[in-house]
Amino acid sequence: MYIIETMELLLAAGNAPKIEKMACIKQVNIKFDTLKIFIRLAQDVKMLDEKKYLELQKRIQEIGRMIGGWQKSVNPARFPGANHPDSKPQYEVN
């Protein structure tokens, strides 16, 4: 189920307006982190052999880098005036 939900969130993020993308990508990251934990647990209880686990880990790391790059590319600070909790003000008023 987490794989399908993660894919749905990826599609939603891809189609979201720029200002909403970061929130969607953060949700993707949460689901993806949960999926990584489940894969690790599957290996711990011997549902995955070492070879399959190592191959999955390579792919997981690559996907994680892609998600991280996507987060950096849609950083809310790049959209002046965006009213987003993660956005930083461009200037301070004293």
C-alpha atoms as a PDB file:
ATOM      1  CA  MET A   1       0.000   0.000   0.000  1.00  0.00           C
ATOM      2  CA  TYR A   2       2.836   2.431   0.784  1.00  0.00           C
ATOM      3  CA  ILE A   3       4.257   2.003  -2.701  1.00  0.00           C
ATOM      4  CA  ILE A   4       0.928   2.920  -4.301  1.00  0.00           C
ATOM      5  CA  GLU A   5       0.380   5.853  -1.920  1.00  0.00           C
ATOM      6  CA  THR A   6       3.916   7.100  -2.601  1.00  0.00           C
ATOM      7  CA  MET A   7       3.310   6.890  -6.337  1.00  0.00           C
ATOM      8  CA  GLU A   8       0.028   8.781  -5.982  1.00  0.00           C
ATOM      9  CA  LEU A   9       1.788  11.506  -4.006  1.00  0.00           C
ATOM     10  CA  LEU A  10       4.539  11.707  -6.626  1.00  0.00           C
ATOM     11  CA  LEU A  11       1.916  12.201  -9.321  1.00  0.00           C
ATOM     12  CA  ALA A  12       0.125  14.816  -7.213  1.00  0.00           C
ATOM     13  CA  ALA A  13       3.390  16.682  -6.635  1.00  0.00           C
ATOM     14  CA  GLY A  14       4.212  16.580 -10.329  1.00  0.00           C
ATOM     15  CA  ASN A  15       0.861  18.138 -11.190  1.00  0.00           C
ATOM     16  CA  ALA A  16       0.664  20.594  -8.275  1.00  0.00           C
ATOM     17  CA  PRO A  17       1.150  24.338  -8.735  1.00  0.00           C
ATOM     18  CA  LYS A  18       4.707  25.424  -7.868  1.00  0.00           C
ATOM     19  CA  ILE A  19       3.758  26.881  -4.499  1.00  0.00           C
ATOM     20  CA  GLU A  20       2.084  23.601  -3.417  1.00  0.00           C
ATOM     21  CA  LYS A  21       4.814  21.256  -4.675  1.00  0.00           C
ATOM     22  CA  MET A  22       6.968  21.422  -1.535  1.00  0.00           C
ATOM     23  CA  ALA A  23       4.120  20.260   0.711  1.00  0.00           C
ATOM     24  CA  CYS A  24       3.442  17.335  -1.648  1.00  0.00           C
ATOM     25  CA  ILE A  25       7.116  16.409  -1.844  1.00  0.00           C
ATOM     26  CA  LYS A  26       7.356  16.451   1.964  1.00  0.00           C
ATOM     27  CA  GLN A  27       4.466  13.965   2.080  1.00  0.00           C
ATOM     28  CA  VAL A  28       6.288  11.823  -0.494  1.00  0.00           C
ATOM     29  CA  ASN A  29       9.365  11.901   1.712  1.00  0.00           C
ATOM     30  CA  ILE A  30       7.417  10.734   4.759  1.00  0.00           C
ATOM     31  CA  LYS A  31       5.864   7.809   2.857  1.00  0.00           C
ATOM     32  CA  PHE A  32       9.226   6.965   1.298  1.00  0.00           C
ATOM     33  CA  ASP A  33      10.954   6.973   4.706  1.00  0.00           C
ATOM     34  CA  THR A  34       8.251   4.645   6.011  1.00  0.00           C
ATOM     35  CA  LEU A  35       8.737   2.357   3.025  1.00  0.00           C
ATOM     36  CA  LYS A  36      12.490   2.245   3.747  1.00  0.00           C
ATOM     37  CA  ILE A  37      11.743   1.160   7.318  1.00  0.00           C
ATOM     38  CA  PHE A  38       9.431  -1.615   6.101  1.00  0.00           C
ATOM     39  CA  ILE A  39      12.084  -2.871   3.686  1.00  0.00           C
ATOM     40  CA  ARG A  40      14.649  -2.883   6.480  1.00  0.00           C
ATOM     41  CA  LEU A  41      12.244  -4.782   8.734  1.00  0.00           C
ATOM     42  CA  ALA A  42      11.592  -7.299   5.948  1.00  0.00           C
ATOM     43  CA  GLN A  43      15.318  -7.931   5.742  1.00  0.00           C
ATOM     44  CA  ASP A  44      15.639  -8.161   9.542  1.00  0.00           C
ATOM     45  CA  VAL A  45      12.960 -10.870   9.745  1.00  0.00           C
ATOM     46  CA  LYS A  46      14.518 -12.707   6.785  1.00  0.00           C
ATOM     47  CA  MET A  47      11.699 -12.004   4.310  1.00  0.00           C
ATOM     48  CA  LEU A  48      14.387 -10.659   1.968  1.00  0.00           C
ATOM     49  CA  ASP A  49      17.702 -12.329   1.418  1.00  0.00           C
ATOM     50  CA  GLU A  50      20.863 -10.237   1.569  1.00  0.00           C
ATOM     51  CA  LYS A  51      21.296 -10.011  -2.215  1.00  0.00           C
ATOM     52  CA  LYS A  52      17.756  -8.706  -2.807  1.00  0.00           C
ATOM     53  CA  TYR A  53      18.052  -6.326   0.120  1.00  0.00           C
ATOM     54  CA  LEU A  54      21.315  -4.843  -1.184  1.00  0.00           C
ATOM     55  CA  GLU A  55      19.810  -4.366  -4.645  1.00  0.00           C
ATOM     56  CA  LEU A  56      16.771  -2.654  -3.121  1.00  0.00           C
ATOM     57  CA  GLN A  57      19.052  -0.433  -1.034  1.00  0.00           C
ATOM     58  CA  LYS A  58      20.844   0.780  -4.178  1.00  0.00           C
ATOM     59  CA  ARG A  59      17.550   1.691  -5.782  1.00  0.00           C
ATOM     60  CA  ILE A  60      16.224   3.272  -2.601  1.00  0.00           C
ATOM     61  CA  GLN A  61      19.305   5.472  -2.312  1.00  0.00           C
ATOM     62  CA  GLU A  62      18.928   6.594  -5.913  1.00  0.00           C
ATOM     63  CA  ILE A  63      15.234   7.411  -5.443  1.00  0.00           C
ATOM     64  CA  GLY A  64      16.078   9.273  -2.223  1.00  0.00           C
ATOM     65  CA  ARG A  65      18.619  11.399  -4.099  1.00  0.00           C
ATOM     66  CA  MET A  66      15.998  12.162  -6.749  1.00  0.00           C
ATOM     67  CA  ILE A  67      13.443  13.230  -4.146  1.00  0.00           C
ATOM     68  CA  GLY A  68      16.064  15.344  -2.362  1.00  0.00           C
ATOM     69  CA  GLY A  69      17.030  17.030  -5.624  1.00  0.00           C
ATOM     70  CA  TRP A  70      13.388  17.727  -6.361  1.00  0.00           C
ATOM     71  CA  GLN A  71      12.987  19.297  -2.914  1.00  0.00           C
ATOM     72  CA  LYS A  72      15.953  21.567  -3.547  1.00  0.00           C
ATOM     73  CA  SER A  73      14.641  22.582  -6.957  1.00  0.00           C
ATOM     74  CA  VAL A  74      11.255  23.694  -5.587  1.00  0.00           C
ATOM     75  CA  ASN A  75      12.569  25.338  -2.434  1.00  0.00           C
ATOM     76  CA  PRO A  76       9.831  27.768  -1.332  1.00  0.00           C
ATOM     77  CA  ALA A  77      12.431  30.477  -0.722  1.00  0.00           C
ATOM     78  CA  ARG A  78      12.767  30.615  -4.525  1.00  0.00           C
ATOM     79  CA  PHE A  79       9.202  31.934  -4.813  1.00  0.00           C
ATOM     80  CA  PRO A  80       9.089  35.453  -3.381  1.00  0.00           C
ATOM     81  CA  GLY A  81       5.841  36.244  -1.653  1.00  0.00           C
ATOM     82  CA  ALA A  82       4.923  32.595  -1.198  1.00  0.00           C
ATOM     83  CA  ASN A  83       3.016  32.248   2.031  1.00  0.00           C
ATOM     84  CA  HIS A  84       4.520  28.908   2.991  1.00  0.00           C
ATOM     85  CA  PRO A  85       5.652  27.878   6.499  1.00  0.00           C
ATOM     86  CA  ASP A  86       9.100  26.934   5.192  1.00  0.00           C
ATOM     87  CA  SER A  87       9.675  30.092   3.178  1.00  0.00           C
ATOM     88  CA  LYS A  88      12.162  32.603   4.519  1.00  0.00           C
ATOM     89  CA  PRO A  89      11.486  36.316   4.394  1.00  0.00           C
ATOM     90  CA  GLN A  90      13.552  38.187   1.829  1.00  0.00           C
ATOM     91  CA  TYR A  91      14.067  41.133   4.182  1.00  0.00           C
ATOM     92  CA  GLU A  92      13.420  42.081   7.770  1.00  0.00           C
ATOM     93  CA  VAL A  93      11.535  45.115   8.992  1.00  0.00           C
ATOM     94  CA  ASN A  94      13.086  46.787  12.034  1.00  0.00           C
END
